[in-house]
Protein backbone atom coordinates (compact mmCIF):
# COMPACT_ATOMS: atom_id res chain seq x y z
CA UNK A 1 9.09 11.59 -7.16
CA UNK A 2 8.69 12.47 -3.50
CA UNK A 3 9.59 15.95 -2.32
CA UNK A 4 12.71 16.20 -0.24
CA UNK A 5 11.85 16.54 3.45
CA UNK A 6 14.09 17.33 6.38
CA UNK A 7 13.64 14.80 9.15
CA UNK A 8 14.32 15.50 12.81
CA UNK A 9 14.46 12.53 15.15
CA UNK A 10 14.53 13.06 18.88
CA UNK A 11 15.41 10.34 21.36
CA UNK A 12 15.22 10.65 25.11
CA UNK A 13 17.42 8.64 27.44
CA UNK A 14 16.65 8.57 31.16
CA UNK A 15 19.79 9.02 33.24
CA UNK A 16 19.35 7.23 36.57
CA UNK A 17 21.48 7.81 39.63
CA UNK A 18 21.69 5.73 42.74
CA UNK A 19 22.98 7.17 46.01
CA UNK A 20 23.81 5.47 49.28
CA UNK A 21 23.53 7.82 52.24
CA UNK A 22 23.87 7.30 55.94
CA UNK A 23 20.34 7.79 57.32
CA UNK A 24 19.95 10.25 60.16
CA UNK A 25 17.31 8.01 61.66
CA UNK A 26 15.20 5.05 60.69
CA UNK A 27 12.40 7.26 59.38
CA UNK A 28 14.54 9.43 57.10
CA UNK A 29 14.10 9.14 53.30
CA UNK A 30 17.26 8.68 51.13
CA UNK A 31 18.07 11.58 48.82
CA UNK A 32 18.19 11.01 45.05
CA UNK A 33 18.02 13.01 41.83
CA UNK A 34 17.36 12.13 38.17
CA UNK A 35 17.35 14.06 34.89
CA UNK A 36 16.58 13.42 31.24
CA UNK A 37 19.31 13.11 28.63
CA UNK A 38 18.60 14.17 25.06
CA UNK A 39 20.01 13.62 21.59
CA UNK A 40 18.88 15.15 18.31
CA UNK A 41 19.49 14.05 14.72
CA UNK A 42 18.95 16.27 11.68
CA UNK A 43 18.92 15.67 7.93
CA UNK A 44 18.21 12.46 6.02
CA UNK A 45 19.58 8.96 6.12
CA UNK A 46 22.71 9.08 3.95
CA UNK A 47 22.56 7.77 0.41
CA UNK A 48 25.00 5.17 -0.82
CA UNK A 49 24.93 2.09 -3.01
CA UNK A 50 25.77 -1.21 -1.34
CA UNK A 51 26.87 -4.55 -2.75
CA UNK A 52 23.55 -6.29 -3.56
CA UNK A 53 25.01 -9.66 -2.53
CA UNK A 54 26.88 -8.40 0.57
CA UNK A 55 24.90 -5.32 1.70
CA UNK A 56 27.18 -4.52 4.63
CA UNK A 57 29.73 -3.27 2.07
CA UNK A 58 29.48 -0.01 0.10
CA UNK A 59 30.27 -0.12 -3.63
CA UNK A 60 30.72 2.23 -6.58
CA UNK A 61 28.68 1.17 -9.63
CA UNK A 62 29.17 4.49 -11.39
CA UNK A 63 26.53 7.18 -11.98
CA UNK A 64 22.84 6.33 -11.79
CA UNK A 65 19.58 8.29 -11.65
CA UNK A 66 18.31 8.67 -8.08
CA UNK A 67 15.40 10.30 -6.29
CA UNK A 68 15.16 12.16 -2.99
CA UNK A 69 12.98 11.82 0.07
CA UNK A 70 12.37 9.14 2.69
CA UNK A 71 11.05 6.71 0.03
CA UNK A 72 13.53 6.79 -2.83
CA UNK A 73 15.54 5.12 -5.56
CA UNK A 74 19.28 4.94 -4.94
CA UNK A 75 20.30 2.89 -7.98
CA UNK A 76 18.65 1.56 -11.14
CA UNK A 77 20.40 -0.54 -13.81
CA UNK A 78 21.30 0.65 -17.29
CA UNK A 79 20.86 -2.46 -19.40
CA UNK A 80 23.01 -3.35 -22.40
CA UNK A 81 22.38 -6.45 -24.51
CA UNK A 82 25.79 -6.29 -26.16
CA UNK A 83 26.79 -6.38 -29.84
CA UNK A 84 25.34 -9.24 -31.85
CA UNK A 85 25.40 -10.57 -35.38
CA UNK A 86 22.20 -10.29 -37.42
CA UNK A 87 20.32 -13.59 -37.42
CA UNK A 88 17.25 -14.89 -39.22
CA UNK A 89 16.57 -17.34 -36.37
CA UNK A 90 14.79 -16.65 -33.09
CA UNK A 91 17.45 -15.46 -30.65
CA UNK A 92 17.80 -14.76 -26.94
CA UNK A 93 20.36 -12.15 -25.92
CA UNK A 94 21.51 -11.62 -22.32
CA UNK A 95 22.19 -8.32 -20.58
CA UNK A 96 25.64 -7.35 -19.39
CA UNK A 97 26.00 -7.99 -15.67
CA UNK A 98 26.61 -5.06 -13.33
CA UNK A 99 30.24 -4.00 -12.93
CA UNK A 100 31.77 -1.70 -10.29
CA UNK A 101 34.55 0.87 -10.21
CA UNK A 102 36.02 -0.30 -6.90
CA UNK A 103 37.06 -3.84 -7.79
CA UNK A 104 33.88 -5.54 -6.58
CA UNK A 105 33.09 -8.58 -8.72
CA UNK A 106 30.31 -8.64 -11.31
CA UNK A 107 26.77 -8.92 -9.95
CA UNK A 108 23.28 -9.53 -11.26
CA UNK A 109 21.42 -6.42 -12.42
CA UNK A 110 19.67 -4.78 -9.50
CA UNK A 111 17.55 -1.91 -8.21
CA UNK A 112 18.34 -0.36 -4.82
CA UNK A 113 15.68 1.56 -2.92
CA UNK A 114 15.21 2.86 0.60
CA UNK A 115 12.17 3.42 2.77
CA UNK A 116 12.88 5.65 5.75
CA UNK A 117 9.39 7.00 6.30
CA UNK A 118 8.35 7.46 9.91
CA UNK A 119 5.59 4.92 9.48
CA UNK A 120 6.35 2.49 6.68
CA UNK A 121 3.00 1.81 5.02
CA UNK A 122 4.46 -0.39 2.30
CA UNK A 123 5.43 0.21 -1.31
CA UNK A 124 5.42 -1.33 -4.78
CA UNK A 125 8.21 -1.46 -7.35
CA UNK A 126 7.16 -1.58 -10.99
CA UNK A 127 8.68 -1.22 -14.44
CA UNK A 128 7.28 -0.03 -17.74
CA UNK A 129 8.81 -0.10 -21.22
CA UNK A 130 7.87 3.15 -22.94
CA UNK A 131 8.61 2.15 -26.53
CA UNK A 132 9.89 -0.74 -28.59
CA UNK A 133 13.62 -0.91 -29.34
CA UNK A 134 14.08 1.64 -32.10
CA UNK A 135 16.53 3.51 -34.29
CA UNK A 136 14.97 6.38 -36.23
CA UNK A 137 17.93 6.80 -38.57
CA UNK A 138 17.77 3.38 -40.26
CA UNK A 139 15.47 1.56 -42.69
CA UNK A 140 14.09 -1.00 -40.22
CA UNK A 141 13.40 1.38 -37.38
CA UNK A 142 11.77 -0.99 -34.86
CA UNK A 143 12.60 -4.48 -33.57
CA UNK A 144 9.06 -5.79 -33.82
CA UNK A 145 8.20 -8.53 -31.35
CA UNK A 146 11.29 -7.99 -29.18
CA UNK A 147 10.61 -8.82 -25.49
CA UNK A 148 12.68 -7.95 -22.40
CA UNK A 149 12.38 -10.43 -19.52
CA UNK A 150 13.42 -10.44 -15.85
CA UNK A 151 14.01 -13.75 -14.03
CA UNK A 152 15.60 -15.13 -10.85
CA UNK A 153 14.30 -12.25 -8.69
CA UNK A 154 15.42 -12.01 -5.06
CA UNK A 155 15.94 -9.42 -2.34
CA UNK A 156 18.77 -8.62 0.03
CA UNK A 157 19.47 -6.20 2.88
CA UNK A 158 21.29 -5.90 6.18
CA UNK A 159 17.80 -6.04 7.70
CA UNK A 160 16.16 -9.28 8.75
CA UNK A 161 14.78 -11.46 5.96
CA UNK A 162 11.52 -11.56 7.90
CA UNK A 163 10.90 -7.96 6.80
CA UNK A 164 11.80 -8.54 3.15
CA UNK A 165 9.50 -7.39 0.35
CA UNK A 166 8.02 -10.10 -1.85
CA UNK A 167 9.10 -10.62 -5.47
CA UNK A 168 7.62 -12.55 -8.36
CA UNK A 169 8.56 -16.23 -8.57
CA UNK A 170 7.64 -16.22 -12.24
CA UNK A 171 9.57 -14.79 -15.15
CA UNK A 172 8.40 -11.25 -15.93
CA UNK A 173 8.01 -10.84 -19.68
CA UNK A 174 7.36 -7.29 -20.90
CA UNK A 175 5.08 -8.38 -23.70
CA UNK A 176 3.07 -5.16 -23.91
CA UNK A 177 4.69 -1.81 -24.49
CA UNK A 178 3.46 0.93 -22.09
CA UNK A 179 1.99 -1.64 -19.69
CA UNK A 180 3.19 -1.52 -16.07
CA UNK A 181 4.57 -4.71 -14.53
CA UNK A 182 4.97 -5.49 -10.81
CA UNK A 183 8.49 -6.40 -9.68
CA UNK A 184 8.27 -6.28 -5.88
CA UNK A 185 5.89 -5.32 -3.09
CA UNK A 186 6.39 -4.53 0.57
CA UNK A 187 3.34 -4.94 2.76
CA UNK A 188 2.88 -2.49 5.66
CA UNK A 189 5.54 -3.20 8.25
CA UNK A 190 8.00 -4.68 5.73
CA UNK A 191 10.48 -3.27 3.24
CA UNK A 192 11.77 -0.61 5.61
CA UNK A 193 15.40 0.48 5.36
CA UNK A 194 17.55 -0.18 2.29
CA UNK A 195 16.81 -3.12 -0.03
CA UNK A 196 18.23 -4.46 -3.27
CA UNK A 197 15.88 -6.13 -5.76
CA UNK A 198 18.21 -8.37 -7.77
CA UNK A 199 17.85 -10.35 -10.99
CA UNK A 200 20.32 -13.20 -11.04
CA UNK A 201 23.45 -13.69 -8.95
CA UNK A 202 27.17 -14.36 -9.05
CA UNK A 203 28.80 -17.53 -7.79
CA UNK A 204 29.93 -15.54 -4.71
CA UNK A 205 26.43 -14.56 -3.56
CA UNK A 206 26.57 -16.63 -0.35
CA UNK A 207 22.77 -17.06 -0.35
CA UNK A 208 22.57 -20.30 -2.29
CA UNK A 209 21.28 -18.49 -5.33
CA UNK A 210 21.84 -19.94 -8.80
CA UNK A 211 24.88 -18.51 -10.60
CA UNK A 212 23.54 -16.73 -13.70
CA UNK A 213 26.73 -14.95 -14.80
CA UNK A 214 29.21 -16.09 -17.43
CA UNK A 215 32.11 -14.24 -19.08
CA UNK A 216 31.84 -12.81 -22.56
CA UNK A 217 34.75 -14.17 -24.62
CA UNK A 218 35.98 -13.50 -28.13
CA UNK A 219 36.69 -16.04 -30.89
CA UNK A 220 40.13 -16.66 -29.41
CA UNK A 221 38.74 -17.46 -25.97
CA UNK A 222 39.87 -14.17 -24.47
CA UNK A 223 37.51 -12.18 -22.24
CA UNK A 224 36.06 -8.91 -23.42
CA UNK A 225 36.81 -6.07 -21.01
CA UNK A 226 35.05 -2.78 -20.27
CA UNK A 227 37.32 0.27 -20.43
CA UNK A 228 34.74 2.31 -18.50
CA UNK A 229 35.17 -0.08 -15.54
CA UNK A 230 38.96 -0.21 -15.36
CA UNK A 231 39.17 -2.93 -18.02
CA UNK A 232 37.32 -5.49 -15.93
CA UNK A 233 36.01 -8.60 -17.72
CA UNK A 234 32.46 -8.29 -19.02
CA UNK A 235 29.91 -10.90 -17.92
CA UNK A 236 26.49 -11.70 -19.29
CA UNK A 237 23.53 -12.29 -16.98
CA UNK A 238 21.06 -14.94 -18.13
CA UNK A 239 18.45 -13.62 -15.65
CA UNK A 240 17.83 -10.52 -17.81
CA UNK A 241 17.18 -11.34 -21.44
CA UNK A 242 15.97 -9.92 -24.73
CA UNK A 243 14.15 -12.23 -27.15
CA UNK A 244 13.95 -11.21 -30.82
CA UNK A 245 12.07 -13.25 -33.46
CA UNK A 246 14.10 -14.35 -36.45
CA UNK A 247 11.53 -12.86 -38.82
CA UNK A 248 12.06 -9.39 -37.36
CA UNK A 249 13.92 -7.18 -39.83
CA UNK A 250 17.14 -5.79 -38.40
CA UNK A 251 19.89 -3.45 -39.53
CA UNK A 252 23.52 -3.30 -38.32
CA UNK A 253 22.84 -0.31 -36.07
CA UNK A 254 22.26 0.49 -32.40
CA UNK A 255 18.66 0.06 -31.16
CA UNK A 256 17.45 1.42 -27.84
CA UNK A 257 14.38 1.76 -25.65
CA UNK A 258 13.39 3.48 -22.40
CA UNK A 259 12.46 1.71 -19.17
CA UNK A 260 10.61 3.60 -16.45
CA UNK A 261 11.06 2.35 -12.88
CA UNK A 262 8.18 3.23 -10.56
CA UNK A 263 8.26 3.27 -6.75
CA UNK A 264 4.87 3.93 -5.19
CA UNK A 265 3.48 4.18 -1.67
CA UNK A 266 0.72 1.73 -0.85
CA UNK A 267 -2.58 3.48 -0.16
């Protein structure tokens, strides 16, 4: 985590005046005067989460861990792979899509970061799974062979796409616990400002991205809703998945793991 720094930005504007005077004679010089105008900014660029699909709009996704400083995280997803029946077959489970508290529609899971360093030297975004999905209070404590995957990666910002960081075009499978995986990289001169790194998209994305969201419905065809998000319908996002082998022993309990998101300056 970067230390919090106070940034002072000074801009100078030249105020020009133009005077028309009646010359005393043909050799006289016209009189003129000019001064400098100044403006000073203090503090940091304000934090705030924006709609990953329409970044000119602020949104409220609920609480999220953040970091401080000119290169920082402003939002990271908290993934849930829902409630599922025990199966002896190989299964793929999808993460819940991101919901918002302000009525914004469901979106693909995303990370938001900002780079407001004076000289953007580039950065990398990585993720690491610290441990396998576990529950210490049950007989079968670990979901052996379970793999989290990220697909359909893309970036978005109010800034020009020509300055966008690059993302993997391949599916990122976290096959090895404690190994660090690259998600995005900004070369020097790119990735400055605020960017969303998004996995999947809604039908309303406006960027021609594939729609990866679908509603979760019960056996009667009714949508499940999330009370924590004002009873909005819950969607699943096929771009973020969890694969579990059928042979893996499972108990009817809650399993969890820890993901570490890493934002690093390029050397």
